[in-house]
Amino acid sequence: MNDATNTMEFNAPGRGDSENRKILSQVYASLSEKGYDPISQIVGYLLSEDPTYITNYNNARAVVSKLDRDEILGEMVRLYLGLV
């Protein structure tokens, strides 16, 4: 049983910044080309893991499923805090 007073430790496995950057760039471009706000759509996907936030155009929906959301969110927090 999990004691709610203890802090759980979370470690996301690393895929590599360059692969994640490549995937996000490709998805961003596909969303832009289709006229969507790519930042809003990617944020919606990262928060919900609902693939319908991502267009099928250029196979972007299949490509984005290769991302590890926890890894991306961890990288975003590190970047925001200036730890990268």
PDB file of N, CA and C in Angstrom:
ATOM      1  N   MET A   1       0.846  -1.193   0.000  1.00  0.00           N
ATOM      2  CA  MET A   1       0.000   0.000   0.000  1.00  0.00           C
ATOM      3  C   MET A   1       0.880   1.241   0.000  1.00  0.00           C
ATOM      4  N   ASN A   2       0.472   2.244  -0.735  1.00  0.00           N
ATOM      5  CA  ASN A   2       1.232   3.462  -0.883  1.00  0.00           C
ATOM      6  C   ASN A   2       0.844   4.469   0.196  1.00  0.00           C
ATOM      7  N   ASP A   3       1.827   4.963   0.920  1.00  0.00           N
ATOM      8  CA  ASP A   3       1.603   5.961   1.959  1.00  0.00           C
ATOM      9  C   ASP A   3       1.628   7.344   1.309  1.00  0.00           C
ATOM     10  N   ALA A   4       0.534   8.076   1.375  1.00  0.00           N
ATOM     11  CA  ALA A   4       0.400   9.374   0.702  1.00  0.00           C
ATOM     12  C   ALA A   4       1.311  10.445   1.294  1.00  0.00           C
ATOM     13  N   THR A   5       1.944  10.185   2.435  1.00  0.00           N
ATOM     14  CA  THR A   5       2.836  11.173   3.029  1.00  0.00           C
ATOM     15  C   THR A   5       4.257  11.071   2.480  1.00  0.00           C
ATOM     16  N   ASN A   6       4.574   9.981   1.809  1.00  0.00           N
ATOM     17  CA  ASN A   6       5.905   9.809   1.226  1.00  0.00           C
ATOM     18  C   ASN A   6       5.923  10.315  -0.215  1.00  0.00           C
ATOM     19  N   THR A   7       7.066  10.806  -0.616  1.00  0.00           N
ATOM     20  CA  THR A   7       7.238  11.256  -1.987  1.00  0.00           C
ATOM     21  C   THR A   7       7.727  10.100  -2.829  1.00  0.00           C
ATOM     22  N   MET A   8       7.017   9.845  -3.916  1.00  0.00           N
ATOM     23  CA  MET A   8       7.449   8.801  -4.838  1.00  0.00           C
ATOM     24  C   MET A   8       8.514   9.373  -5.757  1.00  0.00           C
ATOM     25  N   GLU A   9       9.499   8.560  -6.099  1.00  0.00           N
ATOM     26  CA  GLU A   9      10.536   8.995  -7.026  1.00  0.00           C
ATOM     27  C   GLU A   9      10.189   8.502  -8.416  1.00  0.00           C
ATOM     28  N   PHE A  10      10.348   9.393  -9.396  1.00  0.00           N
ATOM     29  CA  PHE A  10      10.022   9.053 -10.776  1.00  0.00           C
ATOM     30  C   PHE A  10      11.245   9.278 -11.642  1.00  0.00           C
ATOM     31  N   ASN A  11      11.601   8.300 -12.438  1.00  0.00           N
ATOM     32  CA  ASN A  11      12.712   8.424 -13.375  1.00  0.00           C
ATOM     33  C   ASN A  11      12.232   8.013 -14.756  1.00  0.00           C
ATOM     34  N   ALA A  12      12.244   8.964 -15.665  1.00  0.00           N
ATOM     35  CA  ALA A  12      11.830   8.675 -17.039  1.00  0.00           C
ATOM     36  C   ALA A  12      13.037   8.169 -17.820  1.00  0.00           C
ATOM     37  N   PRO A  13      12.848   7.122 -18.603  1.00  0.00           N
ATOM     38  CA  PRO A  13      13.962   6.632 -19.421  1.00  0.00           C
ATOM     39  C   PRO A  13      14.307   7.645 -20.499  1.00  0.00           C
ATOM     40  N   GLY A  14      15.563   7.723 -20.872  1.00  0.00           N
ATOM     41  CA  GLY A  14      15.995   8.695 -21.875  1.00  0.00           C
ATOM     42  C   GLY A  14      16.087   8.096 -23.263  1.00  0.00           C
ATOM     43  N   ARG A  15      15.547   8.775 -24.251  1.00  0.00           N
ATOM     44  CA  ARG A  15      15.629   8.348 -25.646  1.00  0.00           C
ATOM     45  C   ARG A  15      16.721   9.129 -26.356  1.00  0.00           C
ATOM     46  N   GLY A  16      16.884  10.340 -25.986  1.00  0.00           N
ATOM     47  CA  GLY A  16      17.862  11.184 -26.668  1.00  0.00           C
ATOM     48  C   GLY A  16      17.198  12.439 -27.178  1.00  0.00           C
ATOM     49  N   ASP A  17      17.786  13.543 -26.846  1.00  0.00           N
ATOM     50  CA  ASP A  17      17.222  14.845 -27.197  1.00  0.00           C
ATOM     51  C   ASP A  17      17.075  15.012 -28.701  1.00  0.00           C
ATOM     52  N   SER A  18      18.039  14.550 -29.471  1.00  0.00           N
ATOM     53  CA  SER A  18      17.979  14.781 -30.910  1.00  0.00           C
ATOM     54  C   SER A  18      16.821  14.033 -31.569  1.00  0.00           C
ATOM     55  N   GLU A  19      16.523  12.823 -31.129  1.00  0.00           N
ATOM     56  CA  GLU A  19      15.407  12.066 -31.697  1.00  0.00           C
ATOM     57  C   GLU A  19      14.076  12.727 -31.336  1.00  0.00           C
ATOM     58  N   ASN A  20      13.929  13.142 -30.081  1.00  0.00           N
ATOM     59  CA  ASN A  20      12.697  13.818 -29.665  1.00  0.00           C
ATOM     60  C   ASN A  20      12.522  15.138 -30.408  1.00  0.00           C
ATOM     61  N   ARG A  21      13.605  15.868 -30.575  1.00  0.00           N
ATOM     62  CA  ARG A  21      13.549  17.154 -31.287  1.00  0.00           C
ATOM     63  C   ARG A  21      13.122  16.932 -32.732  1.00  0.00           C
ATOM     64  N   LYS A  22      13.665  15.907 -33.361  1.00  0.00           N
ATOM     65  CA  LYS A  22      13.322  15.584 -34.746  1.00  0.00           C
ATOM     66  C   LYS A  22      11.832  15.254 -34.868  1.00  0.00           C
ATOM     67  N   ILE A  23      11.329  14.437 -33.961  1.00  0.00           N
ATOM     68  CA  ILE A  23       9.912  14.049 -33.978  1.00  0.00           C
ATOM     69  C   ILE A  23       9.029  15.267 -33.765  1.00  0.00           C
ATOM     70  N   LEU A  24       9.323  16.061 -32.747  1.00  0.00           N
ATOM     71  CA  LEU A  24       8.502  17.239 -32.464  1.00  0.00           C
ATOM     72  C   LEU A  24       8.546  18.241 -33.612  1.00  0.00           C
ATOM     73  N   SER A  25       9.706  18.401 -34.228  1.00  0.00           N
ATOM     74  CA  SER A  25       9.824  19.326 -35.361  1.00  0.00           C
ATOM     75  C   SER A  25       8.978  18.862 -36.534  1.00  0.00           C
ATOM     76  N   GLN A  26       8.987  17.573 -36.796  1.00  0.00           N
ATOM     77  CA  GLN A  26       8.188  17.026 -37.895  1.00  0.00           C
ATOM     78  C   GLN A  26       6.692  17.201 -37.626  1.00  0.00           C
ATOM     79  N   VAL A  27       6.280  16.922 -36.403  1.00  0.00           N
ATOM     80  CA  VAL A  27       4.870  17.061 -36.030  1.00  0.00           C
ATOM     81  C   VAL A  27       4.464  18.532 -36.077  1.00  0.00           C
ATOM     82  N   TYR A  28       5.322  19.409 -35.573  1.00  0.00           N
ATOM     83  CA  TYR A  28       5.065  20.847 -35.599  1.00  0.00           C
ATOM     84  C   TYR A  28       4.846  21.324 -37.037  1.00  0.00           C
ATOM     85  N   ALA A  29       5.727  20.903 -37.937  1.00  0.00           N
ATOM     86  CA  ALA A  29       5.618  21.316 -39.341  1.00  0.00           C
ATOM     87  C   ALA A  29       4.317  20.821 -39.964  1.00  0.00           C
ATOM     88  N   SER A  30       3.950  19.592 -39.691  1.00  0.00           N
ATOM     89  CA  SER A  30       2.715  19.032 -40.253  1.00  0.00           C
ATOM     90  C   SER A  30       1.488  19.785 -39.749  1.00  0.00           C
ATOM     91  N   LEU A  31       1.472  20.091 -38.459  1.00  0.00           N
ATOM     92  CA  LEU A  31       0.349  20.838 -37.889  1.00  0.00           C
ATOM     93  C   LEU A  31       0.273  22.242 -38.489  1.00  0.00           C
ATOM     94  N   SER A  32       1.425  22.890 -38.652  1.00  0.00           N
ATOM     95  CA  SER A  32       1.464  24.233 -39.245  1.00  0.00           C
ATOM     96  C   SER A  32       0.942  24.220 -40.672  1.00  0.00           C
ATOM     97  N   GLU A  33       1.406  23.235 -41.442  1.00  0.00           N
ATOM     98  CA  GLU A  33       0.977  23.140 -42.842  1.00  0.00           C
ATOM     99  C   GLU A  33      -0.527  22.960 -42.971  1.00  0.00           C
ATOM    100  N   LYS A  34      -1.140  22.296 -42.018  1.00  0.00           N
ATOM    101  CA  LYS A  34      -2.585  22.078 -42.057  1.00  0.00           C
ATOM    102  C   LYS A  34      -3.362  23.234 -41.435  1.00  0.00           C
ATOM    103  N   GLY A  35      -2.681  24.270 -40.929  1.00  0.00           N
ATOM    104  CA  GLY A  35      -3.352  25.458 -40.413  1.00  0.00           C
ATOM    105  C   GLY A  35      -3.705  25.407 -38.940  1.00  0.00           C
ATOM    106  N   TYR A  36      -3.193  24.432 -38.219  1.00  0.00           N
ATOM    107  CA  TYR A  36      -3.449  24.348 -36.776  1.00  0.00           C
ATOM    108  C   TYR A  36      -2.432  25.186 -36.015  1.00  0.00           C
ATOM    109  N   ASP A  37      -2.741  25.506 -34.766  1.00  0.00           N
ATOM    110  CA  ASP A  37      -1.778  26.122 -33.863  1.00  0.00           C
ATOM    111  C   ASP A  37      -0.955  24.972 -33.276  1.00  0.00           C
ATOM    112  N   PRO A  38       0.258  24.755 -33.778  1.00  0.00           N
ATOM    113  CA  PRO A  38       1.005  23.557 -33.396  1.00  0.00           C
ATOM    114  C   PRO A  38       1.337  23.465 -31.913  1.00  0.00           C
ATOM    115  N   ILE A  39       1.612  24.586 -31.280  1.00  0.00           N
ATOM    116  CA  ILE A  39       1.935  24.555 -29.850  1.00  0.00           C
ATOM    117  C   ILE A  39       0.724  24.071 -29.059  1.00  0.00           C
ATOM    118  N   SER A  40      -0.434  24.634 -29.322  1.00  0.00           N
ATOM    119  CA  SER A  40      -1.642  24.215 -28.602  1.00  0.00           C
ATOM    120  C   SER A  40      -1.959  22.741 -28.832  1.00  0.00           C
ATOM    121  N   GLN A  41      -1.804  22.300 -30.073  1.00  0.00           N
ATOM    122  CA  GLN A  41      -2.119  20.905 -30.393  1.00  0.00           C
ATOM    123  C   GLN A  41      -1.141  19.946 -29.720  1.00  0.00           C
ATOM    124  N   ILE A  42       0.144  20.299 -29.726  1.00  0.00           N
ATOM    125  CA  ILE A  42       1.143  19.431 -29.085  1.00  0.00           C
ATOM    126  C   ILE A  42       0.948  19.418 -27.578  1.00  0.00           C
ATOM    127  N   VAL A  43       0.660  20.561 -26.981  1.00  0.00           N
ATOM    128  CA  VAL A  43       0.396  20.610 -25.542  1.00  0.00           C
ATOM    129  C   VAL A  43      -0.822  19.747 -25.207  1.00  0.00           C
ATOM    130  N   GLY A  44      -1.879  19.859 -26.000  1.00  0.00           N
ATOM    131  CA  GLY A  44      -3.061  19.030 -25.785  1.00  0.00           C
ATOM    132  C   GLY A  44      -2.718  17.555 -25.834  1.00  0.00           C
ATOM    133  N   TYR A  45      -1.889  17.177 -26.795  1.00  0.00           N
ATOM    134  CA  TYR A  45      -1.472  15.776 -26.898  1.00  0.00           C
ATOM    135  C   TYR A  45      -0.642  15.352 -25.680  1.00  0.00           C
ATOM    136  N   LEU A  46       0.326  16.191 -25.290  1.00  0.00           N
ATOM    137  CA  LEU A  46       1.188  15.834 -24.163  1.00  0.00           C
ATOM    138  C   LEU A  46       0.405  15.703 -22.860  1.00  0.00           C
ATOM    139  N   LEU A  47      -0.598  16.557 -22.678  1.00  0.00           N
ATOM    140  CA  LEU A  47      -1.388  16.490 -21.446  1.00  0.00           C
ATOM    141  C   LEU A  47      -2.343  15.301 -21.417  1.00  0.00           C
ATOM    142  N   SER A  48      -2.879  14.954 -22.560  1.00  0.00           N
ATOM    143  CA  SER A  48      -3.931  13.931 -22.585  1.00  0.00           C
ATOM    144  C   SER A  48      -3.510  12.593 -23.197  1.00  0.00           C
ATOM    145  N   GLU A  49      -2.470  12.614 -23.999  1.00  0.00           N
ATOM    146  CA  GLU A  49      -2.039  11.472 -24.818  1.00  0.00           C
ATOM    147  C   GLU A  49      -3.131  11.027 -25.786  1.00  0.00           C
ATOM    148  N   ASP A  50      -4.015  11.960 -26.120  1.00  0.00           N
ATOM    149  CA  ASP A  50      -5.069  11.703 -27.091  1.00  0.00           C
ATOM    150  C   ASP A  50      -4.525  12.025 -28.480  1.00  0.00           C
ATOM    151  N   PRO A  51      -4.329  11.018 -29.320  1.00  0.00           N
ATOM    152  CA  PRO A  51      -3.702  11.246 -30.622  1.00  0.00           C
ATOM    153  C   PRO A  51      -4.525  12.111 -31.574  1.00  0.00           C
ATOM    154  N   THR A  52      -5.798  12.326 -31.279  1.00  0.00           N
ATOM    155  CA  THR A  52      -6.610  13.141 -32.180  1.00  0.00           C
ATOM    156  C   THR A  52      -6.211  14.616 -32.149  1.00  0.00           C
ATOM    157  N   TYR A  53      -5.364  15.020 -31.213  1.00  0.00           N
ATOM    158  CA  TYR A  53      -4.827  16.387 -31.227  1.00  0.00           C
ATOM    159  C   TYR A  53      -3.834  16.576 -32.368  1.00  0.00           C
ATOM    160  N   ILE A  54      -3.343  15.473 -32.917  1.00  0.00           N
ATOM    161  CA  ILE A  54      -2.317  15.519 -33.952  1.00  0.00           C
ATOM    162  C   ILE A  54      -2.915  15.067 -35.279  1.00  0.00           C
ATOM    163  N   THR A  55      -2.619  15.805 -36.322  1.00  0.00           N
ATOM    164  CA  THR A  55      -3.124  15.486 -37.654  1.00  0.00           C
ATOM    165  C   THR A  55      -2.506  14.188 -38.185  1.00  0.00           C
ATOM    166  N   ASN A  56      -3.230  13.523 -39.065  1.00  0.00           N
ATOM    167  CA  ASN A  56      -2.683  12.366 -39.769  1.00  0.00           C
ATOM    168  C   ASN A  56      -1.789  12.794 -40.930  1.00  0.00           C
ATOM    169  N   TYR A  57      -1.866  14.054 -41.310  1.00  0.00           N
ATOM    170  CA  TYR A  57      -1.096  14.585 -42.432  1.00  0.00           C
ATOM    171  C   TYR A  57       0.392  14.274 -42.248  1.00  0.00           C
ATOM    172  N   ASN A  58       1.040  13.814 -43.302  1.00  0.00           N
ATOM    173  CA  ASN A  58       2.465  13.444 -43.273  1.00  0.00           C
ATOM    174  C   ASN A  58       2.780  12.388 -42.216  1.00  0.00           C
ATOM    175  N   ASN A  59       1.781  11.588 -41.848  1.00  0.00           N
ATOM    176  CA  ASN A  59       1.967  10.507 -40.880  1.00  0.00           C
ATOM    177  C   ASN A  59       2.344  11.034 -39.483  1.00  0.00           C
ATOM    178  N   ALA A  60       1.993  12.293 -39.195  1.00  0.00           N
ATOM    179  CA  ALA A  60       2.393  12.924 -37.935  1.00  0.00           C
ATOM    180  C   ALA A  60       1.823  12.206 -36.718  1.00  0.00           C
ATOM    181  N   ARG A  61       0.617  11.693 -36.805  1.00  0.00           N
ATOM    182  CA  ARG A  61       0.003  11.016 -35.661  1.00  0.00           C
ATOM    183  C   ARG A  61       0.777   9.753 -35.293  1.00  0.00           C
ATOM    184  N   ALA A  62       1.193   9.012 -36.282  1.00  0.00           N
ATOM    185  CA  ALA A  62       1.978   7.793 -36.024  1.00  0.00           C
ATOM    186  C   ALA A  62       3.357   8.149 -35.470  1.00  0.00           C
ATOM    187  N   VAL A  63       3.945   9.210 -36.005  1.00  0.00           N
ATOM    188  CA  VAL A  63       5.276   9.634 -35.569  1.00  0.00           C
ATOM    189  C   VAL A  63       5.247  10.112 -34.119  1.00  0.00           C
ATOM    190  N   VAL A  64       4.237  10.885 -33.755  1.00  0.00           N
ATOM    191  CA  VAL A  64       4.191  11.447 -32.397  1.00  0.00           C
ATOM    192  C   VAL A  64       4.014  10.353 -31.347  1.00  0.00           C
ATOM    193  N   SER A  65       3.449   9.238 -31.747  1.00  0.00           N
ATOM    194  CA  SER A  65       3.257   8.146 -30.781  1.00  0.00           C
ATOM    195  C   SER A  65       4.588   7.526 -30.352  1.00  0.00           C
ATOM    196  N   LYS A  66       5.676   7.856 -31.047  1.00  0.00           N
ATOM    197  CA  LYS A  66       6.998   7.363 -30.675  1.00  0.00           C
ATOM    198  C   LYS A  66       7.616   8.157 -29.527  1.00  0.00           C
ATOM    199  N   LEU A  67       7.035   9.307 -29.226  1.00  0.00           N
ATOM    200  CA  LEU A  67       7.548  10.137 -28.133  1.00  0.00           C
ATOM    201  C   LEU A  67       7.220   9.529 -26.784  1.00  0.00           C
ATOM    202  N   ASP A  68       8.110   9.734 -25.843  1.00  0.00           N
ATOM    203  CA  ASP A  68       7.841   9.396 -24.451  1.00  0.00           C
ATOM    204  C   ASP A  68       7.416  10.694 -23.770  1.00  0.00           C
ATOM    205  N   ARG A  69       6.131  10.801 -23.452  1.00  0.00           N
ATOM    206  CA  ARG A  69       5.599  12.056 -22.897  1.00  0.00           C
ATOM    207  C   ARG A  69       6.323  12.464 -21.628  1.00  0.00           C
ATOM    208  N   ASP A  70       6.621  11.515 -20.759  1.00  0.00           N
ATOM    209  CA  ASP A  70       7.290  11.841 -19.503  1.00  0.00           C
ATOM    210  C   ASP A  70       8.676  12.433 -19.749  1.00  0.00           C
ATOM    211  N   GLU A  71       9.367  11.903 -20.723  1.00  0.00           N
ATOM    212  CA  GLU A  71      10.685  12.417 -21.072  1.00  0.00           C
ATOM    213  C   GLU A  71      10.591  13.841 -21.605  1.00  0.00           C
ATOM    214  N   ILE A  72       9.613  14.085 -22.471  1.00  0.00           N
ATOM    215  CA  ILE A  72       9.424  15.428 -23.032  1.00  0.00           C
ATOM    216  C   ILE A  72       9.066  16.425 -21.938  1.00  0.00           C
ATOM    217  N   LEU A  73       8.142  16.062 -21.071  1.00  0.00           N
ATOM    218  CA  LEU A  73       7.738  16.964 -19.993  1.00  0.00           C
ATOM    219  C   LEU A  73       8.901  17.241 -19.047  1.00  0.00           C
ATOM    220  N   GLY A  74       9.700  16.223 -18.760  1.00  0.00           N
ATOM    221  CA  GLY A  74      10.883  16.417 -17.915  1.00  0.00           C
ATOM    222  C   GLY A  74      11.869  17.378 -18.552  1.00  0.00           C
ATOM    223  N   GLU A  75      12.076  17.222 -19.855  1.00  0.00           N
ATOM    224  CA  GLU A  75      12.978  18.116 -20.583  1.00  0.00           C
ATOM    225  C   GLU A  75      12.446  19.545 -20.572  1.00  0.00           C
ATOM    226  N   MET A  76      11.134  19.699 -20.703  1.00  0.00           N
ATOM    227  CA  MET A  76      10.530  21.030 -20.675  1.00  0.00           C
ATOM    228  C   MET A  76      10.742  21.701 -19.321  1.00  0.00           C
ATOM    229  N   VAL A  77      10.578  20.966 -18.239  1.00  0.00           N
ATOM    230  CA  VAL A  77      10.783  21.528 -16.897  1.00  0.00           C
ATOM    231  C   VAL A  77      12.253  21.920 -16.715  1.00  0.00           C
ATOM    232  N   ARG A  78      13.178  21.046 -17.132  1.00  0.00           N
ATOM    233  CA  ARG A  78      14.604  21.375 -17.026  1.00  0.00           C
ATOM    234  C   ARG A  78      14.933  22.634 -17.823  1.00  0.00           C
ATOM    235  N   LEU A  79      14.392  22.736 -19.037  1.00  0.00           N
ATOM    236  CA  LEU A  79      14.623  23.893 -19.879  1.00  0.00           C
ATOM    237  C   LEU A  79      14.050  25.162 -19.243  1.00  0.00           C
ATOM    238  N   TYR A  80      12.836  25.061 -18.733  1.00  0.00           N
ATOM    239  CA  TYR A  80      12.160  26.206 -18.120  1.00  0.00           C
ATOM    240  C   TYR A  80      12.950  26.715 -16.903  1.00  0.00           C
ATOM    241  N   LEU A  81      13.521  25.774 -16.151  1.00  0.00           N
ATOM    242  CA  LEU A  81      14.285  26.146 -14.947  1.00  0.00           C
ATOM    243  C   LEU A  81      15.736  26.501 -15.250  1.00  0.00           C
ATOM    244  N   GLY A  82      16.116  26.414 -16.514  1.00  0.00           N
ATOM    245  CA  GLY A  82      17.482  26.752 -16.906  1.00  0.00           C
ATOM    246  C   GLY A  82      18.507  25.714 -16.492  1.00  0.00           C
ATOM    247  N   LEU A  83      18.088  24.470 -16.373  1.00  0.00           N
ATOM    248  CA  LEU A  83      18.984  23.412 -15.938  1.00  0.00           C
ATOM    249  C   LEU A  83      19.604  22.656 -17.105  1.00  0.00           C
ATOM    250  N   VAL A  84      19.317  23.107 -18.308  1.00  0.00           N
ATOM    251  CA  VAL A  84      19.851  22.435 -19.504  1.00  0.00           C
ATOM    252  C   VAL A  84      20.954  23.250 -20.099  1.00  0.00           C
TER     253      VAL A  84
END
